[in-house]
PDB file of N, CA and C in Angstrom:
ATOM      1  N   MET A   1      -3.885 -12.475  -1.202  1.00  0.00           N
ATOM      2  CA  MET A   1      -2.751 -11.709  -0.727  1.00  0.00           C
ATOM      3  C   MET A   1      -1.774 -11.439  -1.860  1.00  0.00           C
ATOM      4  N   LEU A   2      -1.275 -10.239  -1.857  1.00  0.00           N
ATOM      5  CA  LEU A   2      -0.303  -9.841  -2.873  1.00  0.00           C
ATOM      6  C   LEU A   2       1.133  -9.935  -2.362  1.00  0.00           C
ATOM      7  N   LYS A   3       1.279  -9.918  -1.036  1.00  0.00           N
ATOM      8  CA  LYS A   3       2.609  -9.963  -0.435  1.00  0.00           C
ATOM      9  C   LYS A   3       3.338 -11.234  -0.866  1.00  0.00           C
ATOM     10  N   ASP A   4       4.565 -11.059  -1.222  1.00  0.00           N
ATOM     11  CA  ASP A   4       5.490 -12.109  -1.657  1.00  0.00           C
ATOM     12  C   ASP A   4       5.235 -12.601  -3.072  1.00  0.00           C
ATOM     13  N   SER A   5       4.132 -12.196  -3.703  1.00  0.00           N
ATOM     14  CA  SER A   5       3.963 -12.516  -5.116  1.00  0.00           C
ATOM     15  C   SER A   5       4.099 -11.245  -5.953  1.00  0.00           C
ATOM     16  N   LEU A   6       3.368 -10.195  -5.600  1.00  0.00           N
ATOM     17  CA  LEU A   6       3.451  -8.922  -6.319  1.00  0.00           C
ATOM     18  C   LEU A   6       4.545  -8.027  -5.749  1.00  0.00           C
ATOM     19  N   TYR A   7       4.775  -8.147  -4.458  1.00  0.00           N
ATOM     20  CA  TYR A   7       5.771  -7.293  -3.802  1.00  0.00           C
ATOM     21  C   TYR A   7       6.372  -8.013  -2.598  1.00  0.00           C
ATOM     22  N   THR A   8       7.515  -7.505  -2.163  1.00  0.00           N
ATOM     23  CA  THR A   8       8.188  -7.985  -0.969  1.00  0.00           C
ATOM     24  C   THR A   8       8.381  -6.811  -0.024  1.00  0.00           C
ATOM     25  N   VAL A   9       8.205  -7.048   1.258  1.00  0.00           N
ATOM     26  CA  VAL A   9       8.482  -6.025   2.268  1.00  0.00           C
ATOM     27  C   VAL A   9       9.959  -6.132   2.625  1.00  0.00           C
ATOM     28  N   ASN A  10      10.738  -5.113   2.267  1.00  0.00           N
ATOM     29  CA  ASN A  10      12.168  -5.132   2.561  1.00  0.00           C
ATOM     30  C   ASN A  10      12.493  -4.547   3.921  1.00  0.00           C
ATOM     31  N   ALA A  11      11.673  -3.622   4.396  1.00  0.00           N
ATOM     32  CA  ALA A  11      11.893  -3.006   5.699  1.00  0.00           C
ATOM     33  C   ALA A  11      10.550  -2.574   6.252  1.00  0.00           C
ATOM     34  N   LEU A  12      10.408  -2.705   7.564  1.00  0.00           N
ATOM     35  CA  LEU A  12       9.179  -2.277   8.218  1.00  0.00           C
ATOM     36  C   LEU A  12       9.520  -1.771   9.617  1.00  0.00           C
ATOM     37  N   LYS A  13       9.094  -0.553   9.901  1.00  0.00           N
ATOM     38  CA  LYS A  13       9.328   0.057  11.210  1.00  0.00           C
ATOM     39  C   LYS A  13       7.972   0.509  11.729  1.00  0.00           C
ATOM     40  N   HIS A  14       7.649   0.116  12.975  1.00  0.00           N
ATOM     41  CA  HIS A  14       6.344   0.427  13.553  1.00  0.00           C
ATOM     42  C   HIS A  14       6.553   0.982  14.956  1.00  0.00           C
ATOM     43  N   ALA A  15       6.165   2.238  15.148  1.00  0.00           N
ATOM     44  CA  ALA A  15       6.264   2.870  16.465  1.00  0.00           C
ATOM     45  C   ALA A  15       5.318   4.061  16.517  1.00  0.00           C
ATOM     46  N   ASP A  16       4.745   4.282  17.687  1.00  0.00           N
ATOM     47  CA  ASP A  16       3.928   5.469  17.933  1.00  0.00           C
ATOM     48  C   ASP A  16       2.831   5.659  16.894  1.00  0.00           C
ATOM     49  N   GLN A  17       2.101   4.608  16.612  1.00  0.00           N
ATOM     50  CA  GLN A  17       0.972   4.633  15.672  1.00  0.00           C
ATOM     51  C   GLN A  17       1.385   5.112  14.279  1.00  0.00           C
ATOM     52  N   GLN A  18       2.611   4.771  13.909  1.00  0.00           N
ATOM     53  CA  GLN A  18       3.128   5.096  12.575  1.00  0.00           C
ATOM     54  C   GLN A  18       3.906   3.908  12.046  1.00  0.00           C
ATOM     55  N   ILE A  19       3.679   3.606  10.764  1.00  0.00           N
ATOM     56  CA  ILE A  19       4.359   2.492  10.115  1.00  0.00           C
ATOM     57  C   ILE A  19       5.091   3.031   8.893  1.00  0.00           C
ATOM     58  N   GLU A  20       6.368   2.711   8.810  1.00  0.00           N
ATOM     59  CA  GLU A  20       7.159   3.045   7.633  1.00  0.00           C
ATOM     60  C   GLU A  20       7.628   1.734   7.025  1.00  0.00           C
ATOM     61  N   ALA A  21       7.415   1.595   5.726  1.00  0.00           N
ATOM     62  CA  ALA A  21       7.810   0.352   5.060  1.00  0.00           C
ATOM     63  C   ALA A  21       8.456   0.668   3.721  1.00  0.00           C
ATOM     64  N   MET A  22       9.365  -0.201   3.317  1.00  0.00           N
ATOM     65  CA  MET A  22       9.961  -0.139   1.995  1.00  0.00           C
ATOM     66  C   MET A  22       9.599  -1.439   1.294  1.00  0.00           C
ATOM     67  N   LEU A  23       8.932  -1.303   0.162  1.00  0.00           N
ATOM     68  CA  LEU A  23       8.463  -2.452  -0.602  1.00  0.00           C
ATOM     69  C   LEU A  23       9.200  -2.521  -1.932  1.00  0.00           C
ATOM     70  N   VAL A  24       9.367  -3.723  -2.444  1.00  0.00           N
ATOM     71  CA  VAL A  24       9.958  -3.916  -3.763  1.00  0.00           C
ATOM     72  C   VAL A  24       8.950  -4.678  -4.615  1.00  0.00           C
ATOM     73  N   LEU A  25       8.568  -4.070  -5.728  1.00  0.00           N
ATOM     74  CA  LEU A  25       7.627  -4.703  -6.655  1.00  0.00           C
ATOM     75  C   LEU A  25       8.333  -5.750  -7.492  1.00  0.00           C
ATOM     76  N   HIS A  26       7.592  -6.766  -7.899  1.00  0.00           N
ATOM     77  CA  HIS A  26       8.116  -7.811  -8.774  1.00  0.00           C
ATOM     78  C   HIS A  26       7.584  -7.548 -10.181  1.00  0.00           C
ATOM     79  N   PRO A  27       8.392  -6.899 -11.042  1.00  0.00           N
ATOM     80  CA  PRO A  27       7.931  -6.510 -12.384  1.00  0.00           C
ATOM     81  C   PRO A  27       7.454  -7.671 -13.248  1.00  0.00           C
ATOM     82  N   GLY A  28       7.876  -8.893 -12.959  1.00  0.00           N
ATOM     83  CA  GLY A  28       7.464 -10.049 -13.746  1.00  0.00           C
ATOM     84  C   GLY A  28       6.103 -10.614 -13.364  1.00  0.00           C
ATOM     85  N   HIS A  29       5.459 -10.028 -12.355  1.00  0.00           N
ATOM     86  CA  HIS A  29       4.157 -10.530 -11.897  1.00  0.00           C
ATOM     87  C   HIS A  29       3.139 -10.462 -13.042  1.00  0.00           C
ATOM     88  N   ALA A  30       2.257 -11.447 -13.105  1.00  0.00           N
ATOM     89  CA  ALA A  30       1.278 -11.563 -14.195  1.00  0.00           C
ATOM     90  C   ALA A  30       0.351 -10.356 -14.305  1.00  0.00           C
ATOM     91  N   ILE A  31       0.104  -9.661 -13.210  1.00  0.00           N
ATOM     92  CA  ILE A  31      -0.825  -8.522 -13.268  1.00  0.00           C
ATOM     93  C   ILE A  31      -0.333  -7.444 -14.227  1.00  0.00           C
ATOM     94  N   PHE A  32       0.974  -7.307 -14.357  1.00  0.00           N
ATOM     95  CA  PHE A  32       1.527  -6.268 -15.227  1.00  0.00           C
ATOM     96  C   PHE A  32       1.411  -6.629 -16.709  1.00  0.00           C
ATOM     97  N   LYS A  33       1.184  -7.896 -17.008  1.00  0.00           N
ATOM     98  CA  LYS A  33       1.001  -8.299 -18.410  1.00  0.00           C
ATOM     99  C   LYS A  33      -0.354  -7.835 -18.931  1.00  0.00           C
ATOM    100  N   GLY A  34      -1.314  -7.686 -18.025  1.00  0.00           N
ATOM    101  CA  GLY A  34      -2.634  -7.239 -18.436  1.00  0.00           C
ATOM    102  C   GLY A  34      -2.910  -5.784 -18.109  1.00  0.00           C
ATOM    103  N   HIS A  35      -2.048  -5.183 -17.318  1.00  0.00           N
ATOM    104  CA  HIS A  35      -2.283  -3.796 -16.860  1.00  0.00           C
ATOM    105  C   HIS A  35      -1.002  -2.995 -16.990  1.00  0.00           C
ATOM    106  N   TYR A  36      -0.538  -2.659 -18.031  1.00  0.00           N
ATOM    107  CA  TYR A  36      -0.919  -2.831 -19.421  1.00  0.00           C
ATOM    108  C   TYR A  36       0.236  -3.478 -20.145  1.00  0.00           C
ATOM    109  N   PRO A  37      -0.004  -4.268 -21.183  1.00  0.00           N
ATOM    110  CA  PRO A  37       1.070  -5.042 -21.811  1.00  0.00           C
ATOM    111  C   PRO A  37       2.271  -4.216 -22.283  1.00  0.00           C
ATOM    112  N   THR A  38       2.035  -3.058 -22.874  1.00  0.00           N
ATOM    113  CA  THR A  38       3.145  -2.262 -23.382  1.00  0.00           C
ATOM    114  C   THR A  38       3.612  -1.195 -22.394  1.00  0.00           C
ATOM    115  N   GLN A  39       2.812  -0.936 -21.364  1.00  0.00           N
ATOM    116  CA  GLN A  39       3.156   0.068 -20.340  1.00  0.00           C
ATOM    117  C   GLN A  39       2.670  -0.446 -18.988  1.00  0.00           C
ATOM    118  N   PRO A  40       3.496  -1.243 -18.278  1.00  0.00           N
ATOM    119  CA  PRO A  40       3.043  -1.799 -17.003  1.00  0.00           C
ATOM    120  C   PRO A  40       2.808  -0.699 -15.970  1.00  0.00           C
ATOM    121  N   VAL A  41       1.666  -0.819 -15.263  1.00  0.00           N
ATOM    122  CA  VAL A  41       1.296   0.144 -14.233  1.00  0.00           C
ATOM    123  C   VAL A  41       0.689  -0.630 -13.064  1.00  0.00           C
ATOM    124  N   LEU A  42       1.086  -0.277 -11.860  1.00  0.00           N
ATOM    125  CA  LEU A  42       0.519  -0.899 -10.672  1.00  0.00           C
ATOM    126  C   LEU A  42      -0.926  -0.421 -10.516  1.00  0.00           C
ATOM    127  N   PRO A  43      -1.909  -1.337 -10.534  1.00  0.00           N
ATOM    128  CA  PRO A  43      -3.308  -0.927 -10.416  1.00  0.00           C
ATOM    129  C   PRO A  43      -3.600  -0.277  -9.063  1.00  0.00           C
ATOM    130  N   GLY A  44      -4.511   0.677  -9.070  1.00  0.00           N
ATOM    131  CA  GLY A  44      -4.898   1.367  -7.840  1.00  0.00           C
ATOM    132  C   GLY A  44      -5.442   0.414  -6.792  1.00  0.00           C
ATOM    133  N   ALA A  45      -6.214  -0.582  -7.217  1.00  0.00           N
ATOM    134  CA  ALA A  45      -6.758  -1.561  -6.271  1.00  0.00           C
ATOM    135  C   ALA A  45      -5.634  -2.319  -5.567  1.00  0.00           C
ATOM    136  N   CYS A  46      -4.552  -2.571  -6.272  1.00  0.00           N
ATOM    137  CA  CYS A  46      -3.403  -3.255  -5.667  1.00  0.00           C
ATOM    138  C   CYS A  46      -2.712  -2.346  -4.645  1.00  0.00           C
ATOM    139  N   MET A  47      -2.639  -1.057  -4.944  1.00  0.00           N
ATOM    140  CA  MET A  47      -2.049  -0.118  -3.985  1.00  0.00           C
ATOM    141  C   MET A  47      -2.830  -0.140  -2.672  1.00  0.00           C
ATOM    142  N   LEU A  48      -4.160  -0.133  -2.761  1.00  0.00           N
ATOM    143  CA  LEU A  48      -4.993  -0.166  -1.561  1.00  0.00           C
ATOM    144  C   LEU A  48      -4.813  -1.482  -0.807  1.00  0.00           C
ATOM    145  N   GLN A  49      -4.737  -2.588  -1.529  1.00  0.00           N
ATOM    146  CA  GLN A  49      -4.527  -3.888  -0.892  1.00  0.00           C
ATOM    147  C   GLN A  49      -3.164  -3.949  -0.215  1.00  0.00           C
ATOM    148  N   MET A  50      -2.154  -3.348  -0.827  1.00  0.00           N
ATOM    149  CA  MET A  50      -0.815  -3.328  -0.230  1.00  0.00           C
ATOM    150  C   MET A  50      -0.833  -2.555   1.089  1.00  0.00           C
ATOM    151  N   ILE A  51      -1.546  -1.424   1.132  1.00  0.00           N
ATOM    152  CA  ILE A  51      -1.667  -0.660   2.377  1.00  0.00           C
ATOM    153  C   ILE A  51      -2.305  -1.533   3.452  1.00  0.00           C
ATOM    154  N   LYS A  52      -3.388  -2.202   3.100  1.00  0.00           N
ATOM    155  CA  LYS A  52      -4.088  -3.077   4.046  1.00  0.00           C
ATOM    156  C   LYS A  52      -3.173  -4.181   4.555  1.00  0.00           C
ATOM    157  N   GLU A  53      -2.445  -4.834   3.659  1.00  0.00           N
ATOM    158  CA  GLU A  53      -1.593  -5.950   4.058  1.00  0.00           C
ATOM    159  C   GLU A  53      -0.429  -5.505   4.947  1.00  0.00           C
ATOM    160  N   VAL A  54       0.176  -4.378   4.652  1.00  0.00           N
ATOM    161  CA  VAL A  54       1.276  -3.885   5.489  1.00  0.00           C
ATOM    162  C   VAL A  54       0.744  -3.490   6.865  1.00  0.00           C
ATOM    163  N   LEU A  55      -0.403  -2.864   6.906  1.00  0.00           N
ATOM    164  CA  LEU A  55      -1.033  -2.506   8.177  1.00  0.00           C
ATOM    165  C   LEU A  55      -1.350  -3.764   8.988  1.00  0.00           C
ATOM    166  N   GLU A  56      -1.894  -4.784   8.344  1.00  0.00           N
ATOM    167  CA  GLU A  56      -2.178  -6.056   9.018  1.00  0.00           C
ATOM    168  C   GLU A  56      -0.901  -6.701   9.546  1.00  0.00           C
ATOM    169  N   GLN A  57       0.165  -6.663   8.754  1.00  0.00           N
ATOM    170  CA  GLN A  57       1.435  -7.258   9.184  1.00  0.00           C
ATOM    171  C   GLN A  57       1.983  -6.533  10.406  1.00  0.00           C
ATOM    172  N   ALA A  58       1.954  -5.207  10.379  1.00  0.00           N
ATOM    173  CA  ALA A  58       2.507  -4.431  11.489  1.00  0.00           C
ATOM    174  C   ALA A  58       1.702  -4.619  12.772  1.00  0.00           C
ATOM    175  N   LEU A  59       0.384  -4.750  12.646  1.00  0.00           N
ATOM    176  CA  LEU A  59      -0.486  -4.872  13.816  1.00  0.00           C
ATOM    177  C   LEU A  59      -0.765  -6.316  14.210  1.00  0.00           C
ATOM    178  N   ASP A  60      -0.411  -7.251  13.323  1.00  0.00           N
ATOM    179  CA  ASP A  60      -0.702  -8.671  13.521  1.00  0.00           C
ATOM    180  C   ASP A  60      -2.196  -8.886  13.792  1.00  0.00           C
ATOM    181  N   ARG A  61      -3.013  -8.222  12.977  1.00  0.00           N
ATOM    182  CA  ARG A  61      -4.472  -8.296  13.074  1.00  0.00           C
ATOM    183  C   ARG A  61      -5.057  -8.312  11.666  1.00  0.00           C
ATOM    184  N   GLN A  62      -6.195  -8.962  11.506  1.00  0.00           N
ATOM    185  CA  GLN A  62      -6.930  -8.923  10.254  1.00  0.00           C
ATOM    186  C   GLN A  62      -7.769  -7.653  10.226  1.00  0.00           C
ATOM    187  N   LEU A  63      -7.832  -7.005   9.080  1.00  0.00           N
ATOM    188  CA  LEU A  63      -8.549  -5.747   8.939  1.00  0.00           C
ATOM    189  C   LEU A  63      -9.472  -5.790   7.732  1.00  0.00           C
ATOM    190  N   GLN A  64     -10.447  -4.893   7.756  1.00  0.00           N
ATOM    191  CA  GLN A  64     -11.326  -4.716   6.602  1.00  0.00           C
ATOM    192  C   GLN A  64     -11.489  -3.220   6.376  1.00  0.00           C
ATOM    193  N   LEU A  65     -11.244  -2.779   5.151  1.00  0.00           N
ATOM    194  CA  LEU A  65     -11.467  -1.386   4.793  1.00  0.00           C
ATOM    195  C   LEU A  65     -12.968  -1.154   4.740  1.00  0.00           C
ATOM    196  N   ILE A  66     -13.470  -0.252   5.577  1.00  0.00           N
ATOM    197  CA  ILE A  66     -14.919  -0.016   5.602  1.00  0.00           C
ATOM    198  C   ILE A  66     -15.284   1.371   5.077  1.00  0.00           C
ATOM    199  N   LYS A  67     -14.291   2.253   4.990  1.00  0.00           N
ATOM    200  CA  LYS A  67     -14.573   3.584   4.454  1.00  0.00           C
ATOM    201  C   LYS A  67     -13.298   4.149   3.841  1.00  0.00           C
ATOM    202  N   ALA A  68     -13.432   4.622   2.625  1.00  0.00           N
ATOM    203  CA  ALA A  68     -12.328   5.313   1.963  1.00  0.00           C
ATOM    204  C   ALA A  68     -12.816   6.733   1.700  1.00  0.00           C
ATOM    205  N   GLY A  69     -12.612   7.597   2.683  1.00  0.00           N
ATOM    206  CA  GLY A  69     -13.114   8.964   2.587  1.00  0.00           C
ATOM    207  C   GLY A  69     -12.454   9.744   1.472  1.00  0.00           C
ATOM    208  N   GLN A  70     -11.175   9.447   1.248  1.00  0.00           N
ATOM    209  CA  GLN A  70     -10.453  10.152   0.196  1.00  0.00           C
ATOM    210  C   GLN A  70      -9.336   9.257  -0.331  1.00  0.00           C
ATOM    211  N   ILE A  71      -9.318   9.072  -1.632  1.00  0.00           N
ATOM    212  CA  ILE A  71      -8.240   8.333  -2.296  1.00  0.00           C
ATOM    213  C   ILE A  71      -7.771   9.184  -3.458  1.00  0.00           C
ATOM    214  N   LYS A  72      -6.465   9.410  -3.516  1.00  0.00           N
ATOM    215  CA  LYS A  72      -5.897  10.167  -4.629  1.00  0.00           C
ATOM    216  C   LYS A  72      -4.791   9.330  -5.260  1.00  0.00           C
ATOM    217  N   PHE A  73      -4.901   9.132  -6.562  1.00  0.00           N
ATOM    218  CA  PHE A  73      -3.839   8.486  -7.322  1.00  0.00           C
ATOM    219  C   PHE A  73      -3.124   9.599  -8.074  1.00  0.00           C
ATOM    220  N   LEU A  74      -1.917   9.917  -7.623  1.00  0.00           N
ATOM    221  CA  LEU A  74      -1.212  11.108  -8.092  1.00  0.00           C
ATOM    222  C   LEU A  74      -0.240  10.830  -9.229  1.00  0.00           C
ATOM    223  N   ASN A  75       0.397   9.686  -9.200  1.00  0.00           N
ATOM    224  CA  ASN A  75       1.362   9.297 -10.234  1.00  0.00           C
ATOM    225  C   ASN A  75       1.261   7.799 -10.464  1.00  0.00           C
ATOM    226  N   MET A  76       1.504   7.391 -11.705  1.00  0.00           N
ATOM    227  CA  MET A  76       1.538   5.967 -12.008  1.00  0.00           C
ATOM    228  C   MET A  76       2.808   5.360 -11.417  1.00  0.00           C
ATOM    229  N   ILE A  77       2.703   4.100 -11.026  1.00  0.00           N
ATOM    230  CA  ILE A  77       3.887   3.363 -10.583  1.00  0.00           C
ATOM    231  C   ILE A  77       4.201   2.331 -11.653  1.00  0.00           C
ATOM    232  N   ASP A  78       5.282   2.562 -12.371  1.00  0.00           N
ATOM    233  CA  ASP A  78       5.782   1.641 -13.384  1.00  0.00           C
ATOM    234  C   ASP A  78       6.820   0.751 -12.695  1.00  0.00           C
ATOM    235  N   PRO A  79       6.559  -0.551 -12.547  1.00  0.00           N
ATOM    236  CA  PRO A  79       7.474  -1.417 -11.808  1.00  0.00           C
ATOM    237  C   PRO A  79       8.840  -1.571 -12.462  1.00  0.00           C
ATOM    238  N   GLU A  80       8.927  -1.276 -13.743  1.00  0.00           N
ATOM    239  CA  GLU A  80      10.222  -1.374 -14.416  1.00  0.00           C
ATOM    240  C   GLU A  80      11.081  -0.141 -14.147  1.00  0.00           C
ATOM    241  N   LYS A  81      10.457   0.986 -13.845  1.00  0.00           N
ATOM    242  CA  LYS A  81      11.195   2.223 -13.571  1.00  0.00           C
ATOM    243  C   LYS A  81      11.301   2.510 -12.083  1.00  0.00           C
ATOM    244  N   ASN A  82      10.282   2.136 -11.324  1.00  0.00           N
ATOM    245  CA  ASN A  82      10.240   2.410  -9.886  1.00  0.00           C
ATOM    246  C   ASN A  82       9.808   1.165  -9.127  1.00  0.00           C
ATOM    247  N   ALA A  83      10.690   0.208  -9.022  1.00  0.00           N
ATOM    248  CA  ALA A  83      10.355  -1.034  -8.328  1.00  0.00           C
ATOM    249  C   ALA A  83      10.309  -0.844  -6.812  1.00  0.00           C
ATOM    250  N   GLU A  84      11.009   0.166  -6.287  1.00  0.00           N
ATOM    251  CA  GLU A  84      10.986   0.429  -4.848  1.00  0.00           C
ATOM    252  C   GLU A  84       9.880   1.421  -4.524  1.00  0.00           C
ATOM    253  N   VAL A  85       9.049   1.040  -3.563  1.00  0.00           N
ATOM    254  CA  VAL A  85       7.916   1.873  -3.161  1.00  0.00           C
ATOM    255  C   VAL A  85       7.995   2.085  -1.654  1.00  0.00           C
ATOM    256  N   GLY A  86       7.975   3.332  -1.246  1.00  0.00           N
ATOM    257  CA  GLY A  86       7.934   3.652   0.172  1.00  0.00           C
ATOM    258  C   GLY A  86       6.494   3.771   0.627  1.00  0.00           C
ATOM    259  N   MET A  87       6.240   3.410   1.860  1.00  0.00           N
ATOM    260  CA  MET A  87       4.884   3.500   2.401  1.00  0.00           C
ATOM    261  C   MET A  87       4.959   4.114   3.794  1.00  0.00           C
ATOM    262  N   LEU A  88       4.105   5.093   4.030  1.00  0.00           N
ATOM    263  CA  LEU A  88       3.968   5.698   5.348  1.00  0.00           C
ATOM    264  C   LEU A  88       2.502   5.603   5.739  1.00  0.00           C
ATOM    265  N   ILE A  89       2.252   4.983   6.876  1.00  0.00           N
ATOM    266  CA  ILE A  89       0.892   4.836   7.392  1.00  0.00           C
ATOM    267  C   ILE A  89       0.847   5.415   8.793  1.00  0.00           C
ATOM    268  N   LYS A  90      -0.123   6.282   9.029  1.00  0.00           N
ATOM    269  CA  LYS A  90      -0.390   6.795  10.369  1.00  0.00           C
ATOM    270  C   LYS A  90      -1.813   6.384  10.715  1.00  0.00           C
ATOM    271  N   TYR A  91      -2.014   5.976  11.969  1.00  0.00           N
ATOM    272  CA  TYR A  91      -3.348   5.525  12.353  1.00  0.00           C
ATOM    273  C   TYR A  91      -3.695   5.982  13.765  1.00  0.00           C
ATOM    274  N   ILE A  92      -4.997   6.104  13.972  1.00  0.00           N
ATOM    275  CA  ILE A  92      -5.534   6.454  15.284  1.00  0.00           C
ATOM    276  C   ILE A  92      -6.591   5.415  15.630  1.00  0.00           C
ATOM    277  N   PRO A  93      -6.389   4.661  16.714  1.00  0.00           N
ATOM    278  CA  PRO A  93      -7.406   3.681  17.121  1.00  0.00           C
ATOM    279  C   PRO A  93      -8.636   4.393  17.686  1.00  0.00           C
ATOM    280  N   GLU A  94      -9.819   3.922  17.274  1.00  0.00           N
ATOM    281  CA  GLU A  94     -11.094   4.419  17.792  1.00  0.00           C
ATOM    282  C   GLU A  94     -12.008   3.219  17.985  1.00  0.00           C
ATOM    283  N   ASP A  95     -12.154   2.755  19.222  1.00  0.00           N
ATOM    284  CA  ASP A  95     -12.932   1.558  19.534  1.00  0.00           C
ATOM    285  C   ASP A  95     -12.388   0.381  18.737  1.00  0.00           C
ATOM    286  N   ASN A  96     -13.196  -0.214  17.877  1.00  0.00           N
ATOM    287  CA  ASN A  96     -12.775  -1.366  17.076  1.00  0.00           C
ATOM    288  C   ASN A  96     -12.380  -0.941  15.663  1.00  0.00           C
ATOM    289  N   LEU A  97     -12.012   0.341  15.519  1.00  0.00           N
ATOM    290  CA  LEU A  97     -11.688   0.902  14.216  1.00  0.00           C
ATOM    291  C   LEU A  97     -10.317   1.566  14.242  1.00  0.00           C
ATOM    292  N   LEU A  98      -9.762   1.737  13.053  1.00  0.00           N
ATOM    293  CA  LEU A  98      -8.529   2.499  12.887  1.00  0.00           C
ATOM    294  C   LEU A  98      -8.780   3.586  11.855  1.00  0.00           C
ATOM    295  N   LYS A  99      -8.540   4.822  12.243  1.00  0.00           N
ATOM    296  CA  LYS A  99      -8.583   5.933  11.297  1.00  0.00           C
ATOM    297  C   LYS A  99      -7.182   6.024  10.698  1.00  0.00           C
ATOM    298  N   VAL A 100      -7.083   5.894   9.370  1.00  0.00           N
ATOM    299  CA  VAL A 100      -5.788   5.719   8.708  1.00  0.00           C
ATOM    300  C   VAL A 100      -5.555   6.792   7.652  1.00  0.00           C
ATOM    301  N   THR A 101      -4.320   7.295   7.624  1.00  0.00           N
ATOM    302  CA  THR A 101      -3.828   8.067   6.489  1.00  0.00           C
ATOM    303  C   THR A 101      -2.584   7.345   5.997  1.00  0.00           C
ATOM    304  N   ALA A 102      -2.515   7.151   4.686  1.00  0.00           N
ATOM    305  CA  ALA A 102      -1.396   6.401   4.116  1.00  0.00           C
ATOM    306  C   ALA A 102      -0.935   7.058   2.822  1.00  0.00           C
ATOM    307  N   THR A 103       0.364   6.962   2.577  1.00  0.00           N
ATOM    308  CA  THR A 103       0.954   7.499   1.358  1.00  0.00           C
ATOM    309  C   THR A 103       1.934   6.485   0.788  1.00  0.00           C
ATOM    310  N   LEU A 104       1.846   6.253  -0.521  1.00  0.00           N
ATOM    311  CA  LEU A 104       2.836   5.454  -1.245  1.00  0.00           C
ATOM    312  C   LEU A 104       3.663   6.405  -2.086  1.00  0.00           C
ATOM    313  N   THR A 105       4.980   6.231  -2.051  1.00  0.00           N
ATOM    314  CA  THR A 105       5.870   7.106  -2.806  1.00  0.00           C
ATOM    315  C   THR A 105       6.900   6.290  -3.581  1.00  0.00           C
ATOM    316  N   THR A 106       7.363   6.892  -4.665  1.00  0.00           N
ATOM    317  CA  THR A 106       8.480   6.340  -5.434  1.00  0.00           C
ATOM    318  C   THR A 106       9.514   7.448  -5.565  1.00  0.00           C
ATOM    319  N   ALA A 107      10.554   7.188  -6.311  1.00  0.00           N
ATOM    320  CA  ALA A 107      11.573   8.218  -6.558  1.00  0.00           C
ATOM    321  C   ALA A 107      10.971   9.419  -7.285  1.00  0.00           C
ATOM    322  N   ASP A 108       9.848   9.210  -7.968  1.00  0.00           N
ATOM    323  CA  ASP A 108       9.175  10.297  -8.692  1.00  0.00           C
ATOM    324  C   ASP A 108       8.231  11.106  -7.814  1.00  0.00           C
ATOM    325  N   GLY A 109       8.059  10.712  -6.554  1.00  0.00           N
ATOM    326  CA  GLY A 109       7.184  11.439  -5.641  1.00  0.00           C
ATOM    327  C   GLY A 109       5.995  10.608  -5.204  1.00  0.00           C
ATOM    328  N   ALA A 110       5.004  11.274  -4.603  1.00  0.00           N
ATOM    329  CA  ALA A 110       3.816  10.591  -4.090  1.00  0.00           C
ATOM    330  C   ALA A 110       3.023   9.978  -5.241  1.00  0.00           C
ATOM    331  N   ALA A 111       2.594   8.738  -5.041  1.00  0.00           N
ATOM    332  CA  ALA A 111       1.822   8.031  -6.066  1.00  0.00           C
ATOM    333  C   ALA A 111       0.374   7.817  -5.636  1.00  0.00           C
ATOM    334  N   CYS A 112       0.160   7.625  -4.342  1.00  0.00           N
ATOM    335  CA  CYS A 112      -1.181   7.340  -3.843  1.00  0.00           C
ATOM    336  C   CYS A 112      -1.311   7.869  -2.425  1.00  0.00           C
ATOM    337  N   LYS A 113      -2.471   8.462  -2.131  1.00  0.00           N
ATOM    338  CA  LYS A 113      -2.789   8.903  -0.776  1.00  0.00           C
ATOM    339  C   LYS A 113      -4.170   8.387  -0.419  1.00  0.00           C
ATOM    340  N   LEU A 114      -4.292   7.899   0.808  1.00  0.00           N
ATOM    341  CA  LEU A 114      -5.550   7.340   1.293  1.00  0.00           C
ATOM    342  C   LEU A 114      -5.875   7.905   2.666  1.00  0.00           C
ATOM    343  N   GLN A 115      -7.106   8.313   2.854  1.00  0.00           N
ATOM    344  CA  GLN A 115      -7.659   8.579   4.175  1.00  0.00           C
ATOM    345  C   GLN A 115      -8.845   7.652   4.306  1.00  0.00           C
ATOM    346  N   GLY A 116      -8.807   6.758   5.276  1.00  0.00           N
ATOM    347  CA  GLY A 116      -9.877   5.788   5.378  1.00  0.00           C
ATOM    348  C   GLY A 116     -10.029   5.239   6.767  1.00  0.00           C
ATOM    349  N   MET A 117     -10.955   4.297   6.890  1.00  0.00           N
ATOM    350  CA  MET A 117     -11.260   3.664   8.159  1.00  0.00           C
ATOM    351  C   MET A 117     -11.219   2.157   7.961  1.00  0.00           C
ATOM    352  N   PHE A 118     -10.490   1.491   8.844  1.00  0.00           N
ATOM    353  CA  PHE A 118     -10.404   0.032   8.826  1.00  0.00           C
ATOM    354  C   PHE A 118     -11.038  -0.519  10.088  1.00  0.00           C
ATOM    355  N   GLN A 119     -11.735  -1.626   9.943  1.00  0.00           N
ATOM    356  CA  GLN A 119     -12.315  -2.313  11.093  1.00  0.00           C
ATOM    357  C   GLN A 119     -11.403  -3.454  11.490  1.00  0.00           C
ATOM    358  N   LEU A 120     -11.149  -3.579  12.783  1.00  0.00           N
ATOM    359  CA  LEU A 120     -10.367  -4.699  13.301  1.00  0.00           C
ATOM    360  C   LEU A 120     -11.246  -5.934  13.343  1.00  0.00           C
ATOM    361  N   ASN A 121     -10.772  -7.032  12.799  1.00  0.00           N
ATOM    362  CA  ASN A 121     -11.536  -8.286  12.822  1.00  0.00           C
ATOM    363  C   ASN A 121     -10.979  -9.218  13.873  1.00  0.00           C
TER     364      ASN A 121
END
């Protein structure tokens, strides 16, 4: 889990199959020392894990990403310049699955977009 070590959830609103969250990155986290030492950047894999964890928190369910139909990394997230990250997740339940669209944004605009499918565990 990355929550509370790499980032903190400062606000979370969940209604009508939509989740809005405000996250704050911890620039001192060890991952930024290796990715990259002179130019810290939030790894794409961490962005996907953050989406999963916020979705799990809002639904109080364990999930597994089973399909990532489309992932776009549009802008780098530098934790020293953009420590606040907004997240918008919309989902549609289908049997034991969730069809999800998610966007991470900073003050510089959209950083990551995901269209995928999560399985409820």
